[in-house]
PDB file of all heavy atoms in Angstrom:
ATOM      1  N   ARG A   1       2.976   6.261   3.830  1.00  0.00           N
ATOM      2  CA  ARG A   1       2.209   6.376   5.059  1.00  0.00           C
ATOM      3  C   ARG A   1       2.462   5.142   5.916  1.00  0.00           C
ATOM      4  O   ARG A   1       2.498   4.020   5.413  1.00  0.00           O
ATOM      5  CB  ARG A   1       0.706   6.484   4.746  1.00  0.00           C
ATOM      6  CG  ARG A   1      -0.208   6.553   5.964  1.00  0.00           C
ATOM      7  CD  ARG A   1       0.084   7.762   6.809  1.00  0.00           C
ATOM      8  NE  ARG A   1      -0.883   7.886   7.921  1.00  0.00           N
ATOM      9  CZ  ARG A   1      -0.597   8.445   9.091  1.00  0.00           C
ATOM     10  NH1 ARG A   1       0.616   8.935   9.304  1.00  0.00           N
ATOM     11  NH2 ARG A   1      -1.511   8.533  10.026  1.00  0.00           N
ATOM     12  N   ALA A   2       2.654   5.345   7.211  1.00  0.00           N
ATOM     13  CA  ALA A   2       2.816   4.243   8.146  1.00  0.00           C
ATOM     14  C   ALA A   2       1.886   4.458   9.327  1.00  0.00           C
ATOM     15  O   ALA A   2       1.837   5.555   9.894  1.00  0.00           O
ATOM     16  CB  ALA A   2       4.261   4.142   8.620  1.00  0.00           C
ATOM     17  N   VAL A   3       1.137   3.413   9.693  1.00  0.00           N
ATOM     18  CA  VAL A   3       0.172   3.506  10.783  1.00  0.00           C
ATOM     19  C   VAL A   3       0.338   2.297  11.696  1.00  0.00           C
ATOM     20  O   VAL A   3       0.798   1.228  11.272  1.00  0.00           O
ATOM     21  CB  VAL A   3      -1.286   3.564  10.263  1.00  0.00           C
ATOM     22  CG1 VAL A   3      -1.517   4.834   9.463  1.00  0.00           C
ATOM     23  CG2 VAL A   3      -1.614   2.337   9.409  1.00  0.00           C
ATOM     24  N   TYR A   4      -0.046   2.468  12.962  1.00  0.00           N
ATOM     25  CA  TYR A   4       0.015   1.365  13.913  1.00  0.00           C
ATOM     26  C   TYR A   4      -1.334   0.683  13.991  1.00  0.00           C
ATOM     27  O   TYR A   4      -2.356   1.319  14.254  1.00  0.00           O
ATOM     28  CB  TYR A   4       0.426   1.859  15.294  1.00  0.00           C
ATOM     29  CG  TYR A   4       0.573   0.742  16.302  1.00  0.00           C
ATOM     30  CD1 TYR A   4       1.513  -0.268  16.116  1.00  0.00           C
ATOM     31  CD2 TYR A   4      -0.244   0.681  17.431  1.00  0.00           C
ATOM     32  CE1 TYR A   4       1.657  -1.306  17.025  1.00  0.00           C
ATOM     33  CE2 TYR A   4      -0.099  -0.348  18.359  1.00  0.00           C
ATOM     34  CZ  TYR A   4       0.841  -1.343  18.146  1.00  0.00           C
ATOM     35  OH  TYR A   4       0.970  -2.366  19.047  1.00  0.00           O
ATOM     36  N   ASN A   5      -1.346  -0.614  13.743  1.00  0.00           N
ATOM     37  CA  ASN A   5      -2.545  -1.431  13.868  1.00  0.00           C
ATOM     38  C   ASN A   5      -2.503  -2.074  15.253  1.00  0.00           C
ATOM     39  O   ASN A   5      -1.792  -3.060  15.474  1.00  0.00           O
ATOM     40  CB  ASN A   5      -2.558  -2.500  12.765  1.00  0.00           C
ATOM     41  CG  ASN A   5      -3.790  -3.377  12.794  1.00  0.00           C
ATOM     42  OD1 ASN A   5      -4.390  -3.604  13.833  1.00  0.00           O
ATOM     43  ND2 ASN A   5      -4.172  -3.893  11.633  1.00  0.00           N
ATOM     44  N   ALA A   6      -3.250  -1.509  16.198  1.00  0.00           N
ATOM     45  CA  ALA A   6      -3.182  -1.964  17.582  1.00  0.00           C
ATOM     46  C   ALA A   6      -3.701  -3.389  17.738  1.00  0.00           C
ATOM     47  O   ALA A   6      -3.188  -4.168  18.552  1.00  0.00           O
ATOM     48  CB  ALA A   6      -3.964  -1.014  18.483  1.00  0.00           C
ATOM     49  N   ARG A   7      -4.713  -3.752  16.963  1.00  0.00           N
ATOM     50  CA  ARG A   7      -5.278  -5.097  17.081  1.00  0.00           C
ATOM     51  C   ARG A   7      -4.251  -6.155  16.695  1.00  0.00           C
ATOM     52  O   ARG A   7      -4.135  -7.203  17.344  1.00  0.00           O
ATOM     53  CB  ARG A   7      -6.522  -5.225  16.195  1.00  0.00           C
ATOM     54  CG  ARG A   7      -7.218  -6.580  16.307  1.00  0.00           C
ATOM     55  CD  ARG A   7      -8.550  -6.556  15.560  1.00  0.00           C
ATOM     56  NE  ARG A   7      -8.336  -6.339  14.135  1.00  0.00           N
ATOM     57  CZ  ARG A   7      -8.088  -7.311  13.263  1.00  0.00           C
ATOM     58  NH1 ARG A   7      -8.003  -8.569  13.666  1.00  0.00           N
ATOM     59  NH2 ARG A   7      -7.929  -7.036  11.983  1.00  0.00           N
ATOM     60  N   GLU A   8      -3.473  -5.900  15.645  1.00  0.00           N
ATOM     61  CA  GLU A   8      -2.453  -6.850  15.195  1.00  0.00           C
ATOM     62  C   GLU A   8      -1.096  -6.613  15.854  1.00  0.00           C
ATOM     63  O   GLU A   8      -0.179  -7.418  15.689  1.00  0.00           O
ATOM     64  CB  GLU A   8      -2.306  -6.770  13.668  1.00  0.00           C
ATOM     65  CG  GLU A   8      -3.559  -7.129  12.890  1.00  0.00           C
ATOM     66  CD  GLU A   8      -3.945  -8.586  13.035  1.00  0.00           C
ATOM     67  OE1 GLU A   8      -3.078  -9.407  13.405  1.00  0.00           O
ATOM     68  OE2 GLU A   8      -5.120  -8.918  12.791  1.00  0.00           O
ATOM     69  N   GLY A   9      -0.969  -5.487  16.557  1.00  0.00           N
ATOM     70  CA  GLY A   9       0.288  -5.183  17.222  1.00  0.00           C
ATOM     71  C   GLY A   9       1.428  -4.927  16.257  1.00  0.00           C
ATOM     72  O   GLY A   9       2.553  -5.389  16.482  1.00  0.00           O
ATOM     73  N   ARG A  10       1.170  -4.130  15.204  1.00  0.00           N
ATOM     74  CA  ARG A  10       2.212  -3.935  14.202  1.00  0.00           C
ATOM     75  C   ARG A  10       2.067  -2.581  13.510  1.00  0.00           C
ATOM     76  O   ARG A  10       0.975  -2.048  13.366  1.00  0.00           O
ATOM     77  CB  ARG A  10       2.163  -5.042  13.151  1.00  0.00           C
ATOM     78  CG  ARG A  10       0.933  -4.992  12.253  1.00  0.00           C
ATOM     79  CD  ARG A  10       0.764  -6.241  11.417  1.00  0.00           C
ATOM     80  NE  ARG A  10      -0.365  -6.114  10.495  1.00  0.00           N
ATOM     81  CZ  ARG A  10      -0.977  -7.155   9.930  1.00  0.00           C
ATOM     82  NH1 ARG A  10      -0.577  -8.396  10.183  1.00  0.00           N
ATOM     83  NH2 ARG A  10      -1.990  -6.964   9.098  1.00  0.00           N
ATOM     84  N   ILE A  11       3.195  -2.037  13.119  1.00  0.00           N
ATOM     85  CA  ILE A  11       3.238  -0.914  12.184  1.00  0.00           C
ATOM     86  C   ILE A  11       3.008  -1.455  10.785  1.00  0.00           C
ATOM     87  O   ILE A  11       3.557  -2.498  10.402  1.00  0.00           O
ATOM     88  CB  ILE A  11       4.602  -0.193  12.255  1.00  0.00           C
ATOM     89  CG1 ILE A  11       4.711   0.659  13.525  1.00  0.00           C
ATOM     90  CG2 ILE A  11       4.847   0.669  11.020  1.00  0.00           C
ATOM     91  CD1 ILE A  11       3.933   1.981  13.482  1.00  0.00           C
ATOM     92  N   GLU A  12       2.179  -0.758  10.008  1.00  0.00           N
ATOM     93  CA  GLU A  12       1.933  -1.129   8.618  1.00  0.00           C
ATOM     94  C   GLU A  12       2.371   0.024   7.724  1.00  0.00           C
ATOM     95  O   GLU A  12       1.920   1.160   7.903  1.00  0.00           O
ATOM     96  CB  GLU A  12       0.454  -1.445   8.397  1.00  0.00           C
ATOM     97  CG  GLU A  12      -0.021  -2.619   9.239  1.00  0.00           C
ATOM     98  CD  GLU A  12      -1.500  -2.900   9.137  1.00  0.00           C
ATOM     99  OE1 GLU A  12      -2.235  -2.071   8.540  1.00  0.00           O
ATOM    100  OE2 GLU A  12      -1.940  -3.945   9.663  1.00  0.00           O
ATOM    101  N   MET A  13       3.261  -0.246   6.796  1.00  0.00           N
ATOM    102  CA  MET A  13       3.824   0.781   5.924  1.00  0.00           C
ATOM    103  C   MET A  13       3.254   0.605   4.516  1.00  0.00           C
ATOM    104  O   MET A  13       3.228  -0.509   3.979  1.00  0.00           O
ATOM    105  CB  MET A  13       5.351   0.677   5.913  1.00  0.00           C
ATOM    106  CG  MET A  13       6.046   1.949   5.469  1.00  0.00           C
ATOM    107  SD  MET A  13       7.775   1.999   6.022  1.00  0.00           S
ATOM    108  CE  MET A  13       8.556   0.933   4.814  1.00  0.00           C
ATOM    109  N   TYR A  14       2.792   1.714   3.940  1.00  0.00           N
ATOM    110  CA  TYR A  14       2.123   1.673   2.650  1.00  0.00           C
ATOM    111  C   TYR A  14       2.686   2.728   1.701  1.00  0.00           C
ATOM    112  O   TYR A  14       3.244   3.744   2.123  1.00  0.00           O
ATOM    113  CB  TYR A  14       0.623   1.962   2.803  1.00  0.00           C
ATOM    114  CG  TYR A  14      -0.148   0.925   3.585  1.00  0.00           C
ATOM    115  CD1 TYR A  14      -0.340   1.074   4.958  1.00  0.00           C
ATOM    116  CD2 TYR A  14      -0.697  -0.181   2.948  1.00  0.00           C
ATOM    117  CE1 TYR A  14      -1.058   0.127   5.683  1.00  0.00           C
ATOM    118  CE2 TYR A  14      -1.425  -1.131   3.664  1.00  0.00           C
ATOM    119  CZ  TYR A  14      -1.603  -0.971   5.024  1.00  0.00           C
ATOM    120  OH  TYR A  14      -2.302  -1.907   5.739  1.00  0.00           O
ATOM    121  N   LEU A  15       2.478   2.469   0.417  1.00  0.00           N
ATOM    122  CA  LEU A  15       2.577   3.485  -0.623  1.00  0.00           C
ATOM    123  C   LEU A  15       1.166   3.686  -1.162  1.00  0.00           C
ATOM    124  O   LEU A  15       0.594   2.782  -1.784  1.00  0.00           O
ATOM    125  CB  LEU A  15       3.531   3.027  -1.734  1.00  0.00           C
ATOM    126  CG  LEU A  15       5.004   2.972  -1.334  1.00  0.00           C
ATOM    127  CD1 LEU A  15       5.808   2.189  -2.357  1.00  0.00           C
ATOM    128  CD2 LEU A  15       5.571   4.382  -1.164  1.00  0.00           C
ATOM    129  N   ARG A  16       0.579   4.843  -0.883  1.00  0.00           N
ATOM    130  CA  ARG A  16      -0.811   5.090  -1.263  1.00  0.00           C
ATOM    131  C   ARG A  16      -0.876   5.843  -2.584  1.00  0.00           C
ATOM    132  O   ARG A  16      -0.183   6.841  -2.794  1.00  0.00           O
ATOM    133  CB  ARG A  16      -1.536   5.885  -0.176  1.00  0.00           C
ATOM    134  CG  ARG A  16      -1.695   5.093   1.113  1.00  0.00           C
ATOM    135  CD  ARG A  16      -2.850   5.601   1.956  1.00  0.00           C
ATOM    136  NE  ARG A  16      -3.035   4.791   3.157  1.00  0.00           N
ATOM    137  CZ  ARG A  16      -3.710   3.645   3.196  1.00  0.00           C
ATOM    138  NH1 ARG A  16      -4.248   3.170   2.088  1.00  0.00           N
ATOM    139  NH2 ARG A  16      -3.824   2.972   4.332  1.00  0.00           N
ATOM    140  N   SER A  17      -1.728   5.347  -3.466  1.00  0.00           N
ATOM    141  CA  SER A  17      -1.932   5.992  -4.760  1.00  0.00           C
ATOM    142  C   SER A  17      -2.710   7.283  -4.560  1.00  0.00           C
ATOM    143  O   SER A  17      -3.758   7.299  -3.905  1.00  0.00           O
ATOM    144  CB  SER A  17      -2.698   5.047  -5.694  1.00  0.00           C
ATOM    145  OG  SER A  17      -2.973   5.677  -6.922  1.00  0.00           O
ATOM    146  N   LEU A  18      -2.221   8.375  -5.146  1.00  0.00           N
ATOM    147  CA  LEU A  18      -2.879   9.678  -5.003  1.00  0.00           C
ATOM    148  C   LEU A  18      -3.979   9.888  -6.036  1.00  0.00           C
ATOM    149  O   LEU A  18      -4.717  10.873  -5.959  1.00  0.00           O
ATOM    150  CB  LEU A  18      -1.843  10.794  -5.118  1.00  0.00           C
ATOM    151  CG  LEU A  18      -0.757  10.805  -4.034  1.00  0.00           C
ATOM    152  CD1 LEU A  18       0.222  11.947  -4.278  1.00  0.00           C
ATOM    153  CD2 LEU A  18      -1.376  10.914  -2.651  1.00  0.00           C
ATOM    154  N   ALA A  19      -4.089   8.974  -7.000  1.00  0.00           N
ATOM    155  CA  ALA A  19      -5.106   9.116  -8.045  1.00  0.00           C
ATOM    156  C   ALA A  19      -5.433   7.736  -8.604  1.00  0.00           C
ATOM    157  O   ALA A  19      -4.685   6.778  -8.415  1.00  0.00           O
ATOM    158  CB  ALA A  19      -4.591  10.023  -9.167  1.00  0.00           C
ATOM    159  N   ARG A  20      -6.541   7.664  -9.287  1.00  0.00           N
ATOM    160  CA  ARG A  20      -6.851   6.435 -10.021  1.00  0.00           C
ATOM    161  C   ARG A  20      -5.862   6.330 -11.181  1.00  0.00           C
ATOM    162  O   ARG A  20      -5.677   7.279 -11.943  1.00  0.00           O
ATOM    163  CB  ARG A  20      -8.277   6.485 -10.530  1.00  0.00           C
ATOM    164  CG  ARG A  20      -8.766   5.177 -11.109  1.00  0.00           C
ATOM    165  CD  ARG A  20     -10.213   5.281 -11.517  1.00  0.00           C
ATOM    166  NE  ARG A  20     -10.735   3.995 -11.957  1.00  0.00           N
ATOM    167  CZ  ARG A  20     -11.969   3.795 -12.398  1.00  0.00           C
ATOM    168  NH1 ARG A  20     -12.828   4.831 -12.450  1.00  0.00           N
ATOM    169  NH2 ARG A  20     -12.356   2.595 -12.776  1.00  0.00           N
ATOM    170  N   GLN A  21      -5.217   5.174 -11.307  1.00  0.00           N
ATOM    171  CA  GLN A  21      -4.177   5.046 -12.317  1.00  0.00           C
ATOM    172  C   GLN A  21      -3.917   3.583 -12.660  1.00  0.00           C
ATOM    173  O   GLN A  21      -4.330   2.673 -11.939  1.00  0.00           O
ATOM    174  CB  GLN A  21      -2.877   5.685 -11.826  1.00  0.00           C
ATOM    175  CG  GLN A  21      -2.342   5.111 -10.519  1.00  0.00           C
ATOM    176  CD  GLN A  21      -1.069   5.801 -10.048  1.00  0.00           C
ATOM    177  OE1 GLN A  21      -0.105   5.955 -10.801  1.00  0.00           O
ATOM    178  NE2 GLN A  21      -1.052   6.213  -8.773  1.00  0.00           N
ATOM    179  N   VAL A  22      -3.247   3.385 -13.783  1.00  0.00           N
ATOM    180  CA  VAL A  22      -2.783   2.064 -14.194  1.00  0.00           C
ATOM    181  C   VAL A  22      -1.262   2.134 -14.275  1.00  0.00           C
ATOM    182  O   VAL A  22      -0.706   3.031 -14.914  1.00  0.00           O
ATOM    183  CB  VAL A  22      -3.373   1.639 -15.548  1.00  0.00           C
ATOM    184  CG1 VAL A  22      -2.786   0.292 -15.991  1.00  0.00           C
ATOM    185  CG2 VAL A  22      -4.892   1.553 -15.473  1.00  0.00           C
ATOM    186  N   VAL A  23      -0.606   1.205 -13.609  1.00  0.00           N
ATOM    187  CA  VAL A  23       0.854   1.134 -13.645  1.00  0.00           C
ATOM    188  C   VAL A  23       1.257  -0.162 -14.327  1.00  0.00           C
ATOM    189  O   VAL A  23       0.491  -1.129 -14.363  1.00  0.00           O
ATOM    190  CB  VAL A  23       1.463   1.208 -12.231  1.00  0.00           C
ATOM    191  CG1 VAL A  23       1.124   2.536 -11.564  1.00  0.00           C
ATOM    192  CG2 VAL A  23       0.987   0.046 -11.373  1.00  0.00           C
ATOM    193  N   HIS A  24       2.450  -0.164 -14.882  1.00  0.00           N
ATOM    194  CA  HIS A  24       2.923  -1.333 -15.615  1.00  0.00           C
ATOM    195  C   HIS A  24       4.261  -1.813 -15.053  1.00  0.00           C
ATOM    196  O   HIS A  24       5.105  -1.005 -14.639  1.00  0.00           O
ATOM    197  CB  HIS A  24       3.095  -1.015 -17.102  1.00  0.00           C
ATOM    198  CG  HIS A  24       1.809  -0.663 -17.792  1.00  0.00           C
ATOM    199  ND1 HIS A  24       1.309   0.629 -17.780  1.00  0.00           N
ATOM    200  CD2 HIS A  24       0.920  -1.437 -18.486  1.00  0.00           C
ATOM    201  CE1 HIS A  24       0.162   0.651 -18.454  1.00  0.00           C
ATOM    202  NE2 HIS A  24      -0.092  -0.583 -18.890  1.00  0.00           N
ATOM    203  N   VAL A  25       4.423  -3.113 -15.068  1.00  0.00           N
ATOM    204  CA  VAL A  25       5.708  -3.756 -14.805  1.00  0.00           C
ATOM    205  C   VAL A  25       5.967  -4.649 -16.004  1.00  0.00           C
ATOM    206  O   VAL A  25       5.338  -5.693 -16.157  1.00  0.00           O
ATOM    207  CB  VAL A  25       5.692  -4.577 -13.501  1.00  0.00           C
ATOM    208  CG1 VAL A  25       7.048  -5.230 -13.276  1.00  0.00           C
ATOM    209  CG2 VAL A  25       5.311  -3.696 -12.314  1.00  0.00           C
ATOM    210  N   GLY A  26       6.855  -4.188 -16.883  1.00  0.00           N
ATOM    211  CA  GLY A  26       7.018  -4.880 -18.154  1.00  0.00           C
ATOM    212  C   GLY A  26       5.725  -4.797 -18.943  1.00  0.00           C
ATOM    213  O   GLY A  26       5.165  -3.700 -19.146  1.00  0.00           O
ATOM    214  N   GLU A  27       5.202  -5.936 -19.338  1.00  0.00           N
ATOM    215  CA  GLU A  27       3.971  -5.976 -20.140  1.00  0.00           C
ATOM    216  C   GLU A  27       2.717  -6.044 -19.280  1.00  0.00           C
ATOM    217  O   GLU A  27       1.611  -5.926 -19.813  1.00  0.00           O
ATOM    218  CB  GLU A  27       4.010  -7.199 -21.075  1.00  0.00           C
ATOM    219  CG  GLU A  27       5.178  -7.235 -22.041  1.00  0.00           C
ATOM    220  CD  GLU A  27       5.158  -6.050 -22.990  1.00  0.00           C
ATOM    221  OE1 GLU A  27       4.054  -5.694 -23.470  1.00  0.00           O
ATOM    222  OE2 GLU A  27       6.236  -5.478 -23.249  1.00  0.00           O
ATOM    223  N   ARG A  28       2.858  -6.227 -17.985  1.00  0.00           N
ATOM    224  CA  ARG A  28       1.693  -6.399 -17.117  1.00  0.00           C
ATOM    225  C   ARG A  28       1.220  -5.060 -16.578  1.00  0.00           C
ATOM    226  O   ARG A  28       2.010  -4.235 -16.104  1.00  0.00           O
ATOM    227  CB  ARG A  28       2.052  -7.311 -15.931  1.00  0.00           C
ATOM    228  CG  ARG A  28       2.304  -8.767 -16.301  1.00  0.00           C
ATOM    229  CD  ARG A  28       1.022  -9.558 -16.427  1.00  0.00           C
ATOM    230  NE  ARG A  28       0.252  -9.559 -15.197  1.00  0.00           N
ATOM    231  CZ  ARG A  28       0.457 -10.404 -14.186  1.00  0.00           C
ATOM    232  NH1 ARG A  28       1.436 -11.297 -14.253  1.00  0.00           N
ATOM    233  NH2 ARG A  28      -0.320 -10.352 -13.118  1.00  0.00           N
ATOM    234  N   GLY A  29      -0.094  -4.854 -16.626  1.00  0.00           N
ATOM    235  CA  GLY A  29      -0.690  -3.650 -16.099  1.00  0.00           C
ATOM    236  C   GLY A  29      -1.480  -3.924 -14.833  1.00  0.00           C
ATOM    237  O   GLY A  29      -2.077  -5.008 -14.685  1.00  0.00           O
ATOM    238  N   PHE A  30      -1.500  -2.950 -13.917  1.00  0.00           N
ATOM    239  CA  PHE A  30      -2.202  -3.101 -12.647  1.00  0.00           C
ATOM    240  C   PHE A  30      -2.956  -1.811 -12.349  1.00  0.00           C
ATOM    241  O   PHE A  30      -2.380  -0.723 -12.403  1.00  0.00           O
ATOM    242  CB  PHE A  30      -1.226  -3.404 -11.506  1.00  0.00           C
ATOM    243  CG  PHE A  30      -0.410  -4.645 -11.722  1.00  0.00           C
ATOM    244  CD1 PHE A  30       0.837  -4.563 -12.331  1.00  0.00           C
ATOM    245  CD2 PHE A  30      -0.898  -5.888 -11.356  1.00  0.00           C
ATOM    246  CE1 PHE A  30       1.602  -5.707 -12.547  1.00  0.00           C
ATOM    247  CE2 PHE A  30      -0.145  -7.037 -11.569  1.00  0.00           C
ATOM    248  CZ  PHE A  30       1.102  -6.945 -12.166  1.00  0.00           C
ATOM    249  N   SER A  31      -4.255  -1.938 -12.039  1.00  0.00           N
ATOM    250  CA  SER A  31      -5.090  -0.772 -11.754  1.00  0.00           C
ATOM    251  C   SER A  31      -5.056  -0.444 -10.271  1.00  0.00           C
ATOM    252  O   SER A  31      -5.086  -1.342  -9.418  1.00  0.00           O
ATOM    253  CB  SER A  31      -6.533  -1.044 -12.184  1.00  0.00           C
ATOM    254  OG  SER A  31      -6.613  -1.262 -13.583  1.00  0.00           O
ATOM    255  N   LEU A  32      -4.987   0.836  -9.977  1.00  0.00           N
ATOM    256  CA  LEU A  32      -5.022   1.324  -8.602  1.00  0.00           C
ATOM    257  C   LEU A  32      -6.082   2.402  -8.486  1.00  0.00           C
ATOM    258  O   LEU A  32      -6.169   3.292  -9.348  1.00  0.00           O
ATOM    259  CB  LEU A  32      -3.669   1.903  -8.194  1.00  0.00           C
ATOM    260  CG  LEU A  32      -2.538   0.898  -7.987  1.00  0.00           C
ATOM    261  CD1 LEU A  32      -1.244   1.415  -8.550  1.00  0.00           C
ATOM    262  CD2 LEU A  32      -2.378   0.602  -6.506  1.00  0.00           C
ATOM    263  N   GLU A  33      -6.877   2.322  -7.425  1.00  0.00           N
ATOM    264  CA  GLU A  33      -7.843   3.364  -7.148  1.00  0.00           C
ATOM    265  C   GLU A  33      -7.187   4.482  -6.349  1.00  0.00           C
ATOM    266  O   GLU A  33      -6.157   4.265  -5.685  1.00  0.00           O
ATOM    267  CB  GLU A  33      -9.034   2.800  -6.360  1.00  0.00           C
ATOM    268  CG  GLU A  33      -9.818   1.735  -7.090  1.00  0.00           C
ATOM    269  CD  GLU A  33     -10.485   2.260  -8.355  1.00  0.00           C
ATOM    270  OE1 GLU A  33     -10.887   3.454  -8.360  1.00  0.00           O
ATOM    271  OE2 GLU A  33     -10.590   1.489  -9.333  1.00  0.00           O
ATOM    272  N   ALA A  34      -7.770   5.665  -6.395  1.00  0.00           N
ATOM    273  CA  ALA A  34      -7.268   6.757  -5.563  1.00  0.00           C
ATOM    274  C   ALA A  34      -7.386   6.359  -4.092  1.00  0.00           C
ATOM    275  O   ALA A  34      -8.444   5.912  -3.645  1.00  0.00           O
ATOM    276  CB  ALA A  34      -8.053   8.038  -5.831  1.00  0.00           C
ATOM    277  N   GLY A  35      -6.315   6.482  -3.352  1.00  0.00           N
ATOM    278  CA  GLY A  35      -6.298   6.117  -1.946  1.00  0.00           C
ATOM    279  C   GLY A  35      -5.929   4.677  -1.678  1.00  0.00           C
ATOM    280  O   GLY A  35      -5.719   4.293  -0.519  1.00  0.00           O
ATOM    281  N   GLU A  36      -5.837   3.847  -2.722  1.00  0.00           N
ATOM    282  CA  GLU A  36      -5.480   2.443  -2.530  1.00  0.00           C
ATOM    283  C   GLU A  36      -4.010   2.335  -2.139  1.00  0.00           C
ATOM    284  O   GLU A  36      -3.149   3.028  -2.674  1.00  0.00           O
ATOM    285  CB  GLU A  36      -5.746   1.648  -3.805  1.00  0.00           C
ATOM    286  CG  GLU A  36      -5.479   0.155  -3.664  1.00  0.00           C
ATOM    287  CD  GLU A  36      -5.829  -0.632  -4.918  1.00  0.00           C
ATOM    288  OE1 GLU A  36      -6.347  -0.033  -5.883  1.00  0.00           O
ATOM    289  OE2 GLU A  36      -5.593  -1.855  -4.922  1.00  0.00           O
ATOM    290  N   GLY A  37      -3.730   1.444  -1.220  1.00  0.00           N
ATOM    291  CA  GLY A  37      -2.365   1.301  -0.739  1.00  0.00           C
ATOM    292  C   GLY A  37      -1.703   0.025  -1.206  1.00  0.00           C
ATOM    293  O   GLY A  37      -2.349  -1.010  -1.380  1.00  0.00           O
ATOM    294  N   ILE A  38      -0.398   0.107  -1.413  1.00  0.00           N
ATOM    295  CA  ILE A  38       0.452  -1.065  -1.619  1.00  0.00           C
ATOM    296  C   ILE A  38       1.241  -1.237  -0.331  1.00  0.00           C
ATOM    297  O   ILE A  38       2.041  -0.374   0.039  1.00  0.00           O
ATOM    298  CB  ILE A  38       1.419  -0.860  -2.803  1.00  0.00           C
ATOM    299  CG1 ILE A  38       0.657  -0.545  -4.086  1.00  0.00           C
ATOM    300  CG2 ILE A  38       2.297  -2.107  -2.990  1.00  0.00           C
ATOM    301  CD1 ILE A  38       1.567  -0.130  -5.241  1.00  0.00           C
ATOM    302  N   CYS A  39       1.008  -2.341   0.374  1.00  0.00           N
ATOM    303  CA  CYS A  39       1.706  -2.570   1.640  1.00  0.00           C
ATOM    304  C   CYS A  39       3.137  -3.020   1.349  1.00  0.00           C
ATOM    305  O   CYS A  39       3.358  -3.970   0.596  1.00  0.00           O
ATOM    306  CB  CYS A  39       0.976  -3.618   2.463  1.00  0.00           C
ATOM    307  SG  CYS A  39       1.704  -3.876   4.092  1.00  0.00           S
ATOM    308  N   THR A  40       4.092  -2.349   1.954  1.00  0.00           N
ATOM    309  CA  THR A  40       5.506  -2.675   1.716  1.00  0.00           C
ATOM    310  C   THR A  40       6.208  -3.221   2.958  1.00  0.00           C
ATOM    311  O   THR A  40       7.317  -3.748   2.843  1.00  0.00           O
ATOM    312  CB  THR A  40       6.278  -1.430   1.233  1.00  0.00           C
ATOM    313  OG1 THR A  40       6.118  -0.383   2.195  1.00  0.00           O
ATOM    314  CG2 THR A  40       5.751  -0.959  -0.121  1.00  0.00           C
ATOM    315  N   GLU A  41       5.600  -3.098   4.138  1.00  0.00           N
ATOM    316  CA  GLU A  41       6.253  -3.623   5.334  1.00  0.00           C
ATOM    317  C   GLU A  41       5.270  -3.706   6.487  1.00  0.00           C
ATOM    318  O   GLU A  41       4.421  -2.835   6.658  1.00  0.00           O
ATOM    319  CB  GLU A  41       7.438  -2.737   5.750  1.00  0.00           C
ATOM    320  CG  GLU A  41       8.208  -3.261   6.959  1.00  0.00           C
ATOM    321  CD  GLU A  41       9.414  -2.403   7.295  1.00  0.00           C
ATOM    322  OE1 GLU A  41      10.473  -2.623   6.697  1.00  0.00           O
ATOM    323  OE2 GLU A  41       9.276  -1.508   8.150  1.00  0.00           O
ATOM    324  N   HIS A  42       5.384  -4.781   7.251  1.00  0.00           N
ATOM    325  CA  HIS A  42       4.787  -4.880   8.582  1.00  0.00           C
ATOM    326  C   HIS A  42       5.929  -4.943   9.582  1.00  0.00           C
ATOM    327  O   HIS A  42       6.955  -5.566   9.326  1.00  0.00           O
ATOM    328  CB  HIS A  42       3.935  -6.142   8.720  1.00  0.00           C
ATOM    329  CG  HIS A  42       2.630  -6.071   7.999  1.00  0.00           C
ATOM    330  ND1 HIS A  42       1.871  -7.187   7.715  1.00  0.00           N
ATOM    331  CD2 HIS A  42       1.938  -5.018   7.491  1.00  0.00           C
ATOM    332  CE1 HIS A  42       0.780  -6.825   7.080  1.00  0.00           C
ATOM    333  NE2 HIS A  42       0.788  -5.522   6.928  1.00  0.00           N
ATOM    334  N   SER A  43       5.745  -4.308  10.720  1.00  0.00           N
ATOM    335  CA  SER A  43       6.748  -4.377  11.782  1.00  0.00           C
ATOM    336  C   SER A  43       6.031  -4.693  13.091  1.00  0.00           C
ATOM    337  O   SER A  43       5.481  -3.795  13.741  1.00  0.00           O
ATOM    338  CB  SER A  43       7.522  -3.061  11.882  1.00  0.00           C
ATOM    339  OG  SER A  43       8.538  -3.156  12.844  1.00  0.00           O
ATOM    340  N   HIS A  44       6.025  -5.987  13.440  1.00  0.00           N
ATOM    341  CA  HIS A  44       5.328  -6.436  14.650  1.00  0.00           C
ATOM    342  C   HIS A  44       6.098  -6.027  15.906  1.00  0.00           C
ATOM    343  O   HIS A  44       7.326  -6.079  15.940  1.00  0.00           O
ATOM    344  CB  HIS A  44       5.162  -7.948  14.638  1.00  0.00           C
ATOM    345  CG  HIS A  44       4.210  -8.441  13.586  1.00  0.00           C
ATOM    346  ND1 HIS A  44       4.577  -8.587  12.264  1.00  0.00           N
ATOM    347  CD2 HIS A  44       2.907  -8.804  13.660  1.00  0.00           C
ATOM    348  CE1 HIS A  44       3.542  -9.033  11.559  1.00  0.00           C
ATOM    349  NE2 HIS A  44       2.525  -9.166  12.377  1.00  0.00           N
ATOM    350  N   LYS A  45       5.345  -5.637  16.915  1.00  0.00           N
ATOM    351  CA  LYS A  45       5.901  -5.296  18.217  1.00  0.00           C
ATOM    352  C   LYS A  45       5.429  -6.351  19.224  1.00  0.00           C
ATOM    353  O   LYS A  45       4.313  -6.865  19.109  1.00  0.00           O
ATOM    354  CB  LYS A  45       5.457  -3.900  18.662  1.00  0.00           C
ATOM    355  CG  LYS A  45       5.625  -2.826  17.576  1.00  0.00           C
ATOM    356  CD  LYS A  45       7.050  -2.717  17.065  1.00  0.00           C
ATOM    357  CE  LYS A  45       7.167  -1.744  15.890  1.00  0.00           C
ATOM    358  NZ  LYS A  45       8.523  -1.704  15.317  1.00  0.00           N
TER     359      LYS A  45
END
């Protein structure tokens, strides 16, 4: 999902979790709520 934040003057790009879940990177675990986003890019205008 990508949305424009008019106050900051930037596009914000996210990967939104569709469910409550725990993801792992190697041995580390990270909890995500349903609807929680991981921001992957800002694009200022």
